């Protein structure tokens, strides 16, 4: 029963090789899938170790059994490899064992592997973050390049990978990079990713605070630098005040009448509407000796003007 379940699992896992058969350009992906299947079946060793000479007949049973198992596994893997490649490749490798087959395939597609490694390294080093985009998306993109290089058999050291990622960030993260280097931090890619997401969140909060302060200080800033201070729930619109009439001093101003001035009663004539100094009868009160004489002069103050009145003889 256990043997049946194991066989079913093996067939299910081998389906990943059947979906994408080896044609040449996809050699690296095909080899990676082959490694996954053979490690699951405990047969990857036949591609790493040659079979060797068969033990003599008088050798211990354990040695003879181990050699037979290795030979059987080598045959199974060879059949699996041939079944999952194109007919053109099958024709040239039909009589080759699995150990020699994998080496011939690597030699055939070595140039392709070198080119792919070069392209992956170039993409990783030239990847730059665009200002205003998500730092999380950028780090995940860099991580995919690192994973690709590792699958090609050329993993990037952690410190070099970290320095490359920090150097690829936009100018907004320069303070973060300086702080990271000054504190001699050594973080994994996952830890660095988490720190950068926190820094991005803090930067967003600072920008919101600046916007609020701008609104409080001078209203909503327009493109021409003017501020709108209109209130309400509707859209903010710039309000232009009408030009004032009269640019000179004292012009264009409406002076409200002084109620207290119009209601004051003159102390001389006891009439309302003027002050004492403007009273026409002031000369009679100030110079009573002039009243009734044949000749003389009387000064009558009307408003702010002084009028000289000549009084003739009777």
C-alpha atoms as a PDB file:
ATOM      1  CA  UNK A   1       0.000   0.000   0.000  1.00  0.00           C
ATOM      2  CA  UNK A   2       2.790   2.411   0.907  1.00  0.00           C
ATOM      3  CA  UNK A   3       4.606   1.572  -2.327  1.00  0.00           C
ATOM      4  CA  UNK A   4       1.486   2.454  -4.354  1.00  0.00           C
ATOM      5  CA  UNK A   5       1.160   5.866  -2.651  1.00  0.00           C
ATOM      6  CA  UNK A   6       4.845   6.644  -3.250  1.00  0.00           C
ATOM      7  CA  UNK A   7       4.560   5.726  -6.925  1.00  0.00           C
ATOM      8  CA  UNK A   8       1.498   7.965  -7.326  1.00  0.00           C
ATOM      9  CA  UNK A   9       3.311  10.914  -5.712  1.00  0.00           C
ATOM     10  CA  UNK A  10       6.297  10.429  -7.976  1.00  0.00           C
ATOM     11  CA  UNK A  11       4.120  10.435 -11.104  1.00  0.00           C
ATOM     12  CA  UNK A  12       2.341  13.573  -9.920  1.00  0.00           C
ATOM     13  CA  UNK A  13       5.617  15.404  -9.321  1.00  0.00           C
ATOM     14  CA  UNK A  14       7.120  14.287 -12.636  1.00  0.00           C
ATOM     15  CA  UNK A  15       4.308  16.060 -14.451  1.00  0.00           C
ATOM     16  CA  UNK A  16       6.207  19.361 -14.084  1.00  0.00           C
ATOM     17  CA  UNK A  17       8.845  17.965 -16.465  1.00  0.00           C
ATOM     18  CA  UNK A  18       6.256  16.813 -18.985  1.00  0.00           C
ATOM     19  CA  UNK A  19       4.626  20.263 -19.132  1.00  0.00           C
ATOM     20  CA  UNK A  20       7.846  21.973 -20.200  1.00  0.00           C
ATOM     21  CA  UNK A  21      10.043  19.551 -22.125  1.00  0.00           C
ATOM     22  CA  UNK A  22      13.679  20.352 -22.878  1.00  0.00           C
ATOM     23  CA  UNK A  23      14.139  22.110 -26.214  1.00  0.00           C
ATOM     24  CA  UNK A  24      17.491  23.844 -25.617  1.00  0.00           C
ATOM     25  CA  UNK A  25      16.795  27.483 -24.680  1.00  0.00           C
ATOM     26  CA  UNK A  26      14.895  26.365 -21.569  1.00  0.00           C
ATOM     27  CA  UNK A  27      17.700  24.128 -20.303  1.00  0.00           C
ATOM     28  CA  UNK A  28      18.210  25.926 -16.997  1.00  0.00           C
ATOM     29  CA  UNK A  29      14.523  25.735 -16.077  1.00  0.00           C
ATOM     30  CA  UNK A  30      14.346  22.111 -17.170  1.00  0.00           C
ATOM     31  CA  UNK A  31      17.440  21.191 -15.126  1.00  0.00           C
ATOM     32  CA  UNK A  32      15.984  22.904 -12.067  1.00  0.00           C
ATOM     33  CA  UNK A  33      12.729  20.947 -12.373  1.00  0.00           C
ATOM     34  CA  UNK A  34      14.701  17.722 -12.904  1.00  0.00           C
ATOM     35  CA  UNK A  35      16.644  18.375  -9.723  1.00  0.00           C
ATOM     36  CA  UNK A  36      13.400  18.855  -7.748  1.00  0.00           C
ATOM     37  CA  UNK A  37      11.939  15.572  -9.000  1.00  0.00           C
ATOM     38  CA  UNK A  38      15.110  13.511  -8.464  1.00  0.00           C
ATOM     39  CA  UNK A  39      15.694  14.867  -4.977  1.00  0.00           C
ATOM     40  CA  UNK A  40      12.163  13.918  -4.069  1.00  0.00           C
ATOM     41  CA  UNK A  41      12.809  10.384  -5.374  1.00  0.00           C
ATOM     42  CA  UNK A  42      16.275  10.229  -3.700  1.00  0.00           C
ATOM     43  CA  UNK A  43      17.960   9.726  -7.075  1.00  0.00           C
ATOM     44  CA  UNK A  44      19.805  12.983  -7.661  1.00  0.00           C
ATOM     45  CA  UNK A  45      23.042  11.332  -6.582  1.00  0.00           C
ATOM     46  CA  UNK A  46      23.314   9.415  -9.885  1.00  0.00           C
ATOM     47  CA  UNK A  47      23.968  12.735 -11.683  1.00  0.00           C
ATOM     48  CA  UNK A  48      26.718  13.679  -9.235  1.00  0.00           C
ATOM     49  CA  UNK A  49      28.541  10.362  -8.816  1.00  0.00           C
ATOM     50  CA  UNK A  50      29.723   8.028 -11.592  1.00  0.00           C
ATOM     51  CA  UNK A  51      28.632   4.386 -11.379  1.00  0.00           C
ATOM     52  CA  UNK A  52      32.087   2.878 -11.114  1.00  0.00           C
ATOM     53  CA  UNK A  53      33.190  -0.683 -11.703  1.00  0.00           C
ATOM     54  CA  UNK A  54      30.964  -3.544 -10.646  1.00  0.00           C
ATOM     55  CA  UNK A  55      32.170  -5.338  -7.493  1.00  0.00           C
ATOM     56  CA  UNK A  56      33.556  -8.882  -7.893  1.00  0.00           C
ATOM     57  CA  UNK A  57      31.324 -11.870  -7.300  1.00  0.00           C
ATOM     58  CA  UNK A  58      32.975 -12.601  -3.952  1.00  0.00           C
ATOM     59  CA  UNK A  59      32.405  -9.001  -2.716  1.00  0.00           C
ATOM     60  CA  UNK A  60      30.098  -8.403   0.264  1.00  0.00           C
ATOM     61  CA  UNK A  61      26.409  -8.487  -0.493  1.00  0.00           C
ATOM     62  CA  UNK A  62      25.971  -4.902   0.661  1.00  0.00           C
ATOM     63  CA  UNK A  63      28.475  -3.639  -1.911  1.00  0.00           C
ATOM     64  CA  UNK A  64      26.909  -5.675  -4.706  1.00  0.00           C
ATOM     65  CA  UNK A  65      23.397  -4.508  -3.741  1.00  0.00           C
ATOM     66  CA  UNK A  66      24.482  -0.843  -3.617  1.00  0.00           C
ATOM     67  CA  UNK A  67      26.039  -1.105  -7.074  1.00  0.00           C
ATOM     68  CA  UNK A  68      22.931  -2.748  -8.490  1.00  0.00           C
ATOM     69  CA  UNK A  69      20.691  -0.044  -6.987  1.00  0.00           C
ATOM     70  CA  UNK A  70      22.901   2.691  -8.419  1.00  0.00           C
ATOM     71  CA  UNK A  71      22.760   1.053 -11.845  1.00  0.00           C
ATOM     72  CA  UNK A  72      18.985   0.708 -11.717  1.00  0.00           C
ATOM     73  CA  UNK A  73      18.505   4.316 -10.583  1.00  0.00           C
ATOM     74  CA  UNK A  74      20.854   5.498 -13.317  1.00  0.00           C
ATOM     75  CA  UNK A  75      18.709   3.754 -15.906  1.00  0.00           C
ATOM     76  CA  UNK A  76      15.473   5.181 -14.479  1.00  0.00           C
ATOM     77  CA  UNK A  77      16.839   8.726 -14.492  1.00  0.00           C
ATOM     78  CA  UNK A  78      18.156   8.360 -18.069  1.00  0.00           C
ATOM     79  CA  UNK A  79      14.724   7.234 -19.262  1.00  0.00           C
ATOM     80  CA  UNK A  80      13.074  10.108 -17.412  1.00  0.00           C
ATOM     81  CA  UNK A  81      15.451  12.656 -18.967  1.00  0.00           C
ATOM     82  CA  UNK A  82      14.939  11.278 -22.490  1.00  0.00           C
ATOM     83  CA  UNK A  83      11.163  11.224 -22.055  1.00  0.00           C
ATOM     84  CA  UNK A  84      11.101  14.900 -21.136  1.00  0.00           C
ATOM     85  CA  UNK A  85      13.140  16.374 -23.999  1.00  0.00           C
ATOM     86  CA  UNK A  86      12.507  17.122 -27.654  1.00  0.00           C
ATOM     87  CA  UNK A  87      12.904  14.362 -30.302  1.00  0.00           C
ATOM     88  CA  UNK A  88      15.977  16.041 -31.784  1.00  0.00           C
ATOM     89  CA  UNK A  89      17.811  15.874 -28.460  1.00  0.00           C
ATOM     90  CA  UNK A  90      16.611  12.324 -27.822  1.00  0.00           C
ATOM     91  CA  UNK A  91      18.169  11.107 -31.059  1.00  0.00           C
ATOM     92  CA  UNK A  92      21.636  12.274 -30.063  1.00  0.00           C
ATOM     93  CA  UNK A  93      21.517  11.014 -26.453  1.00  0.00           C
ATOM     94  CA  UNK A  94      19.512   7.785 -26.715  1.00  0.00           C
ATOM     95  CA  UNK A  95      22.478   5.517 -25.829  1.00  0.00           C
ATOM     96  CA  UNK A  96      23.969   7.741 -23.091  1.00  0.00           C
ATOM     97  CA  UNK A  97      23.608   7.090 -19.363  1.00  0.00           C
ATOM     98  CA  UNK A  98      22.203   9.792 -17.114  1.00  0.00           C
ATOM     99  CA  UNK A  99      25.564  10.840 -15.609  1.00  0.00           C
ATOM    100  CA  UNK A 100      27.153  11.500 -19.005  1.00  0.00           C
ATOM    101  CA  UNK A 101      23.921  12.875 -20.446  1.00  0.00           C
ATOM    102  CA  UNK A 102      23.659  15.784 -18.016  1.00  0.00           C
ATOM    103  CA  UNK A 103      27.255  16.796 -18.721  1.00  0.00           C
ATOM    104  CA  UNK A 104      26.779  16.745 -22.456  1.00  0.00           C
ATOM    105  CA  UNK A 105      23.673  18.883 -22.105  1.00  0.00           C
ATOM    106  CA  UNK A 106      25.547  21.378 -19.918  1.00  0.00           C
ATOM    107  CA  UNK A 107      28.329  21.610 -22.483  1.00  0.00           C
ATOM    108  CA  UNK A 108      25.843  22.080 -25.309  1.00  0.00           C
ATOM    109  CA  UNK A 109      24.054  24.952 -23.579  1.00  0.00           C
ATOM    110  CA  UNK A 110      26.990  26.429 -21.676  1.00  0.00           C
ATOM    111  CA  UNK A 111      27.007  29.571 -23.837  1.00  0.00           C
ATOM    112  CA  UNK A 112      23.325  30.104 -23.164  1.00  0.00           C
ATOM    113  CA  UNK A 113      23.847  29.699 -19.428  1.00  0.00           C
ATOM    114  CA  UNK A 114      26.701  32.217 -19.473  1.00  0.00           C
ATOM    115  CA  UNK A 115      24.585  34.706 -21.422  1.00  0.00           C
ATOM    116  CA  UNK A 116      21.648  34.284 -19.065  1.00  0.00           C
ATOM    117  CA  UNK A 117      23.904  34.802 -16.061  1.00  0.00           C
ATOM    118  CA  UNK A 118      25.301  37.978 -17.635  1.00  0.00           C
ATOM    119  CA  UNK A 119      21.836  39.337 -18.366  1.00  0.00           C
ATOM    120  CA  UNK A 120      20.631  38.564 -14.837  1.00  0.00           C
ATOM    121  CA  UNK A 121      23.662  40.271 -13.269  1.00  0.00           C
ATOM    122  CA  UNK A 122      23.241  43.333 -15.490  1.00  0.00           C
ATOM    123  CA  UNK A 123      19.533  43.613 -14.694  1.00  0.00           C
ATOM    124  CA  UNK A 124      20.246  43.406 -10.961  1.00  0.00           C
ATOM    125  CA  UNK A 125      22.995  46.052 -10.992  1.00  0.00           C
ATOM    126  CA  UNK A 126      21.133  48.486 -13.274  1.00  0.00           C
ATOM    127  CA  UNK A 127      17.781  48.263 -11.515  1.00  0.00           C
ATOM    128  CA  UNK A 128      16.964  51.719 -10.104  1.00  0.00           C
ATOM    129  CA  UNK A 129      13.985  52.857  -8.082  1.00  0.00           C
ATOM    130  CA  UNK A 130      11.812  55.527  -9.692  1.00  0.00           C
ATOM    131  CA  UNK A 131      11.022  58.390  -7.331  1.00  0.00           C
ATOM    132  CA  UNK A 132       7.476  58.226  -6.002  1.00  0.00           C
ATOM    133  CA  UNK A 133       7.015  54.486  -6.606  1.00  0.00           C
ATOM    134  CA  UNK A 134       6.597  51.789  -3.964  1.00  0.00           C
ATOM    135  CA  UNK A 135       9.808  50.795  -2.219  1.00  0.00           C
ATOM    136  CA  UNK A 136       8.291  47.392  -1.422  1.00  0.00           C
ATOM    137  CA  UNK A 137       7.742  46.618  -5.112  1.00  0.00           C
ATOM    138  CA  UNK A 138      11.276  47.721  -5.891  1.00  0.00           C
ATOM    139  CA  UNK A 139      12.887  45.492  -3.244  1.00  0.00           C
ATOM    140  CA  UNK A 140      10.799  42.518  -4.367  1.00  0.00           C
ATOM    141  CA  UNK A 141      11.996  43.094  -7.934  1.00  0.00           C
ATOM    142  CA  UNK A 142      15.607  43.131  -6.743  1.00  0.00           C
ATOM    143  CA  UNK A 143      14.952  39.945  -4.765  1.00  0.00           C
ATOM    144  CA  UNK A 144      13.726  38.195  -7.913  1.00  0.00           C
ATOM    145  CA  UNK A 145      17.007  39.057  -9.658  1.00  0.00           C
ATOM    146  CA  UNK A 146      18.927  37.617  -6.706  1.00  0.00           C
ATOM    147  CA  UNK A 147      16.892  34.417  -6.787  1.00  0.00           C
ATOM    148  CA  UNK A 148      17.492  34.082 -10.517  1.00  0.00           C
ATOM    149  CA  UNK A 149      21.260  34.385 -10.062  1.00  0.00           C
ATOM    150  CA  UNK A 150      21.141  31.794  -7.307  1.00  0.00           C
ATOM    151  CA  UNK A 151      19.263  29.381  -9.571  1.00  0.00           C
ATOM    152  CA  UNK A 152      21.977  29.893 -12.174  1.00  0.00           C
ATOM    153  CA  UNK A 153      24.519  28.713  -9.632  1.00  0.00           C
ATOM    154  CA  UNK A 154      25.986  32.158  -8.874  1.00  0.00           C
ATOM    155  CA  UNK A 155      24.476  33.464  -5.629  1.00  0.00           C
ATOM    156  CA  UNK A 156      25.308  37.071  -4.673  1.00  0.00           C
ATOM    157  CA  UNK A 157      26.916  37.523  -1.199  1.00  0.00           C
ATOM    158  CA  UNK A 158      24.579  39.140   1.317  1.00  0.00           C
ATOM    159  CA  UNK A 159      26.656  42.279   1.930  1.00  0.00           C
ATOM    160  CA  UNK A 160      27.074  42.917  -1.800  1.00  0.00           C
ATOM    161  CA  UNK A 161      23.352  42.346  -2.384  1.00  0.00           C
ATOM    162  CA  UNK A 162      22.458  44.766   0.442  1.00  0.00           C
ATOM    163  CA  UNK A 163      24.817  47.475  -0.831  1.00  0.00           C
ATOM    164  CA  UNK A 164      23.412  47.143  -4.345  1.00  0.00           C
ATOM    165  CA  UNK A 165      19.828  47.478  -3.119  1.00  0.00           C
ATOM    166  CA  UNK A 166      20.645  50.538  -0.986  1.00  0.00           C
ATOM    167  CA  UNK A 167      22.460  52.142  -3.915  1.00  0.00           C
ATOM    168  CA  UNK A 168      19.431  51.576  -6.155  1.00  0.00           C
ATOM    169  CA  UNK A 169      17.025  53.563  -3.946  1.00  0.00           C
ATOM    170  CA  UNK A 170      15.743  57.012  -4.919  1.00  0.00           C
ATOM    171  CA  UNK A 171      17.105  60.244  -3.433  1.00  0.00           C
ATOM    172  CA  UNK A 172      14.287  60.315  -0.872  1.00  0.00           C
ATOM    173  CA  UNK A 173      15.984  57.444   0.967  1.00  0.00           C
ATOM    174  CA  UNK A 174      19.458  59.024   1.205  1.00  0.00           C
ATOM    175  CA  UNK A 175      19.029  59.782   4.957  1.00  0.00           C
ATOM    176  CA  UNK A 176      18.018  56.150   5.519  1.00  0.00           C
ATOM    177  CA  UNK A 177      21.109  54.880   3.673  1.00  0.00           C
ATOM    178  CA  UNK A 178      23.425  57.196   5.623  1.00  0.00           C
ATOM    179  CA  UNK A 179      21.929  56.067   8.933  1.00  0.00           C
ATOM    180  CA  UNK A 180      22.168  52.402   7.884  1.00  0.00           C
ATOM    181  CA  UNK A 181      25.861  52.678   7.029  1.00  0.00           C
ATOM    182  CA  UNK A 182      26.804  54.818  10.039  1.00  0.00           C
ATOM    183  CA  UNK A 183      25.320  52.240  12.404  1.00  0.00           C
ATOM    184  CA  UNK A 184      27.105  49.355  10.625  1.00  0.00           C
ATOM    185  CA  UNK A 185      23.866  47.443  10.230  1.00  0.00           C
ATOM    186  CA  UNK A 186      23.900  43.945   8.781  1.00  0.00           C
ATOM    187  CA  UNK A 187      20.400  42.818   7.900  1.00  0.00           C
ATOM    188  CA  UNK A 188      18.961  40.104   5.721  1.00  0.00           C
ATOM    189  CA  UNK A 189      17.055  41.093   2.597  1.00  0.00           C
ATOM    190  CA  UNK A 190      13.766  40.418   4.390  1.00  0.00           C
ATOM    191  CA  UNK A 191      14.760  42.593   7.370  1.00  0.00           C
ATOM    192  CA  UNK A 192      15.943  45.387   5.086  1.00  0.00           C
ATOM    193  CA  UNK A 193      12.654  45.160   3.205  1.00  0.00           C
ATOM    194  CA  UNK A 194      10.707  45.611   6.443  1.00  0.00           C
ATOM    195  CA  UNK A 195      12.824  48.612   7.512  1.00  0.00           C
ATOM    196  CA  UNK A 196      12.346  50.327   4.159  1.00  0.00           C
ATOM    197  CA  UNK A 197       8.572  49.869   4.309  1.00  0.00           C
ATOM    198  CA  UNK A 198       8.553  51.533   7.758  1.00  0.00           C
ATOM    199  CA  UNK A 199      10.688  54.403   6.418  1.00  0.00           C
ATOM    200  CA  UNK A 200       8.278  54.841   3.500  1.00  0.00           C
ATOM    201  CA  UNK A 201       5.330  55.034   5.901  1.00  0.00           C
ATOM    202  CA  UNK A 202       7.067  57.671   8.046  1.00  0.00           C
ATOM    203  CA  UNK A 203       7.904  59.719   4.963  1.00  0.00           C
ATOM    204  CA  UNK A 204       4.241  59.684   3.948  1.00  0.00           C
ATOM    205  CA  UNK A 205       3.169  60.942   7.387  1.00  0.00           C
ATOM    206  CA  UNK A 206       5.686  63.801   7.245  1.00  0.00           C
ATOM    207  CA  UNK A 207       4.393  64.893   3.837  1.00  0.00           C
ATOM    208  CA  UNK A 208       0.810  64.962   5.140  1.00  0.00           C
ATOM    209  CA  UNK A 209       1.900  67.144   8.080  1.00  0.00           C
ATOM    210  CA  UNK A 210       3.561  69.621   5.720  1.00  0.00           C
ATOM    211  CA  UNK A 211       0.380  69.857   3.629  1.00  0.00           C
ATOM    212  CA  UNK A 212      -1.706  70.592   6.724  1.00  0.00           C
ATOM    213  CA  UNK A 213       0.709  73.336   7.811  1.00  0.00           C
ATOM    214  CA  UNK A 214       0.567  74.914   4.352  1.00  0.00           C
ATOM    215  CA  UNK A 215      -3.237  75.046   4.496  1.00  0.00           C
ATOM    216  CA  UNK A 216      -3.165  76.564   7.985  1.00  0.00           C
ATOM    217  CA  UNK A 217      -0.558  79.183   7.064  1.00  0.00           C
ATOM    218  CA  UNK A 218      -1.851  80.446   3.742  1.00  0.00           C
ATOM    219  CA  UNK A 219      -4.801  78.438   2.494  1.00  0.00           C
ATOM    220  CA  UNK A 220      -4.701  76.086  -0.459  1.00  0.00           C
ATOM    221  CA  UNK A 221      -1.687  76.841  -2.626  1.00  0.00           C
ATOM    222  CA  UNK A 222      -2.399  77.464  -6.279  1.00  0.00           C
ATOM    223  CA  UNK A 223       0.052  76.999  -9.137  1.00  0.00           C
ATOM    224  CA  UNK A 224       0.593  80.767  -9.405  1.00  0.00           C
ATOM    225  CA  UNK A 225       1.554  80.989  -5.735  1.00  0.00           C
ATOM    226  CA  UNK A 226      -1.718  82.635  -4.587  1.00  0.00           C
ATOM    227  CA  UNK A 227      -3.594  81.297  -1.610  1.00  0.00           C
ATOM    228  CA  UNK A 228      -7.313  80.780  -1.352  1.00  0.00           C
ATOM    229  CA  UNK A 229      -8.886  81.271   2.037  1.00  0.00           C
ATOM    230  CA  UNK A 230     -12.483  80.512   1.083  1.00  0.00           C
ATOM    231  CA  UNK A 231     -14.350  78.256   3.433  1.00  0.00           C
ATOM    232  CA  UNK A 232     -17.063  75.736   2.810  1.00  0.00           C
ATOM    233  CA  UNK A 233     -17.645  72.176   1.669  1.00  0.00           C
ATOM    234  CA  UNK A 234     -17.552  72.919  -2.049  1.00  0.00           C
ATOM    235  CA  UNK A 235     -14.435  73.146  -4.207  1.00  0.00           C
ATOM    236  CA  UNK A 236     -12.020  75.860  -3.224  1.00  0.00           C
ATOM    237  CA  UNK A 237     -12.041  78.809  -5.611  1.00  0.00           C
ATOM    238  CA  UNK A 238      -9.801  81.832  -5.701  1.00  0.00           C
ATOM    239  CA  UNK A 239     -11.651  85.001  -4.660  1.00  0.00           C
ATOM    240  CA  UNK A 240     -10.499  88.247  -6.222  1.00  0.00           C
ATOM    241  CA  UNK A 241     -11.407  91.381  -4.326  1.00  0.00           C
ATOM    242  CA  UNK A 242     -12.788  94.329  -6.297  1.00  0.00           C
ATOM    243  CA  UNK A 243     -10.365  97.215  -6.724  1.00  0.00           C
ATOM    244  CA  UNK A 244     -10.874 100.053  -4.285  1.00  0.00           C
ATOM    245  CA  UNK A 245     -11.903 103.423  -5.628  1.00  0.00           C
ATOM    246  CA  UNK A 246      -9.753 106.354  -4.782  1.00  0.00           C
ATOM    247  CA  UNK A 247      -6.074 105.737  -4.303  1.00  0.00           C
ATOM    248  CA  UNK A 248      -5.244 109.081  -2.690  1.00  0.00           C
ATOM    249  CA  UNK A 249      -5.373 109.874   0.971  1.00  0.00           C
ATOM    250  CA  UNK A 250      -8.822 110.587   2.166  1.00  0.00           C
ATOM    251  CA  UNK A 251     -10.421 109.782  -1.176  1.00  0.00           C
ATOM    252  CA  UNK A 252     -12.996 107.149  -1.726  1.00  0.00           C
ATOM    253  CA  UNK A 253     -13.971 106.995   1.943  1.00  0.00           C
ATOM    254  CA  UNK A 254     -17.472 107.505   3.208  1.00  0.00           C
ATOM    255  CA  UNK A 255     -17.531 109.420   6.478  1.00  0.00           C
ATOM    256  CA  UNK A 256     -20.482 108.711   8.624  1.00  0.00           C
ATOM    257  CA  UNK A 257     -21.979 111.789  10.213  1.00  0.00           C
ATOM    258  CA  UNK A 258     -21.105 112.257  13.834  1.00  0.00           C
ATOM    259  CA  UNK A 259     -24.352 111.980  15.705  1.00  0.00           C
ATOM    260  CA  UNK A 260     -22.928 113.659  18.754  1.00  0.00           C
ATOM    261  CA  UNK A 261     -21.754 116.643  16.645  1.00  0.00           C
ATOM    262  CA  UNK A 262     -25.189 117.226  15.022  1.00  0.00           C
ATOM    263  CA  UNK A 263     -27.039 117.034  18.272  1.00  0.00           C
ATOM    264  CA  UNK A 264     -24.813 119.472  20.217  1.00  0.00           C
ATOM    265  CA  UNK A 265     -26.547 122.682  21.166  1.00  0.00           C
ATOM    266  CA  UNK A 266     -24.799 126.002  20.664  1.00  0.00           C
ATOM    267  CA  UNK A 267     -23.970 127.740  23.922  1.00  0.00           C
ATOM    268  CA  UNK A 268     -24.553 131.194  22.398  1.00  0.00           C
ATOM    269  CA  UNK A 269     -27.816 130.972  20.439  1.00  0.00           C
ATOM    270  CA  UNK A 270     -29.066 127.775  22.009  1.00  0.00           C
ATOM    271  CA  UNK A 271     -29.696 126.278  18.560  1.00  0.00           C
ATOM    272  CA  UNK A 272     -28.820 122.791  17.350  1.00  0.00           C
ATOM    273  CA  UNK A 273     -26.620 122.105  14.339  1.00  0.00           C
ATOM    274  CA  UNK A 274     -23.413 124.069  14.905  1.00  0.00           C
ATOM    275  CA  UNK A 275     -20.736 124.667  17.446  1.00  0.00           C
ATOM    276  CA  UNK A 276     -20.025 127.782  19.433  1.00  0.00           C
ATOM    277  CA  UNK A 277     -17.127 128.873  17.211  1.00  0.00           C
ATOM    278  CA  UNK A 278     -19.396 128.626  14.148  1.00  0.00           C
ATOM    279  CA  UNK A 279     -22.297 130.579  15.612  1.00  0.00           C
ATOM    280  CA  UNK A 280     -23.208 133.678  13.529  1.00  0.00           C
ATOM    281  CA  UNK A 281     -24.071 135.565  16.739  1.00  0.00           C
ATOM    282  CA  UNK A 282     -20.700 134.918  18.282  1.00  0.00           C
ATOM    283  CA  UNK A 283     -19.462 138.489  17.530  1.00  0.00           C
ATOM    284  CA  UNK A 284     -22.349 139.938  19.511  1.00  0.00           C
ATOM    285  CA  UNK A 285     -21.428 137.833  22.511  1.00  0.00           C
ATOM    286  CA  UNK A 286     -17.697 138.439  22.218  1.00  0.00           C
ATOM    287  CA  UNK A 287     -17.864 142.187  21.356  1.00  0.00           C
ATOM    288  CA  UNK A 288     -21.066 143.660  22.701  1.00  0.00           C
ATOM    289  CA  UNK A 289     -19.574 147.214  22.357  1.00  0.00           C
ATOM    290  CA  UNK A 290     -19.783 146.939  18.553  1.00  0.00           C
ATOM    291  CA  UNK A 291     -23.499 146.316  18.495  1.00  0.00           C
ATOM    292  CA  UNK A 292     -25.668 149.460  17.909  1.00  0.00           C
ATOM    293  CA  UNK A 293     -22.846 151.841  16.872  1.00  0.00           C
ATOM    294  CA  UNK A 294     -22.815 153.770  13.625  1.00  0.00           C
ATOM    295  CA  UNK A 295     -19.716 152.234  12.197  1.00  0.00           C
ATOM    296  CA  UNK A 296     -17.470 149.360  12.962  1.00  0.00           C
ATOM    297  CA  UNK A 297     -16.526 145.966  11.938  1.00  0.00           C
ATOM    298  CA  UNK A 298     -17.934 142.630  12.997  1.00  0.00           C
ATOM    299  CA  UNK A 299     -16.444 139.262  12.190  1.00  0.00           C
ATOM    300  CA  UNK A 300     -18.899 136.525  11.543  1.00  0.00           C
ATOM    301  CA  UNK A 301     -17.630 132.954  11.547  1.00  0.00           C
ATOM    302  CA  UNK A 302     -19.588 130.782   9.187  1.00  0.00           C
ATOM    303  CA  UNK A 303     -18.297 127.263   9.166  1.00  0.00           C
ATOM    304  CA  UNK A 304     -14.529 127.442   8.799  1.00  0.00           C
ATOM    305  CA  UNK A 305     -14.463 130.641   6.759  1.00  0.00           C
ATOM    306  CA  UNK A 306     -14.155 134.142   8.265  1.00  0.00           C
ATOM    307  CA  UNK A 307     -16.365 136.776   6.662  1.00  0.00           C
ATOM    308  CA  UNK A 308     -15.731 140.472   7.330  1.00  0.00           C
ATOM    309  CA  UNK A 309     -18.972 142.414   7.434  1.00  0.00           C
ATOM    310  CA  UNK A 310     -18.979 146.197   7.283  1.00  0.00           C
ATOM    311  CA  UNK A 311     -21.704 147.781   9.307  1.00  0.00           C
ATOM    312  CA  UNK A 312     -22.629 151.290   8.050  1.00  0.00           C
ATOM    313  CA  UNK A 313     -23.688 154.337  10.012  1.00  0.00           C
ATOM    314  CA  UNK A 314     -27.256 154.795  10.942  1.00  0.00           C
END
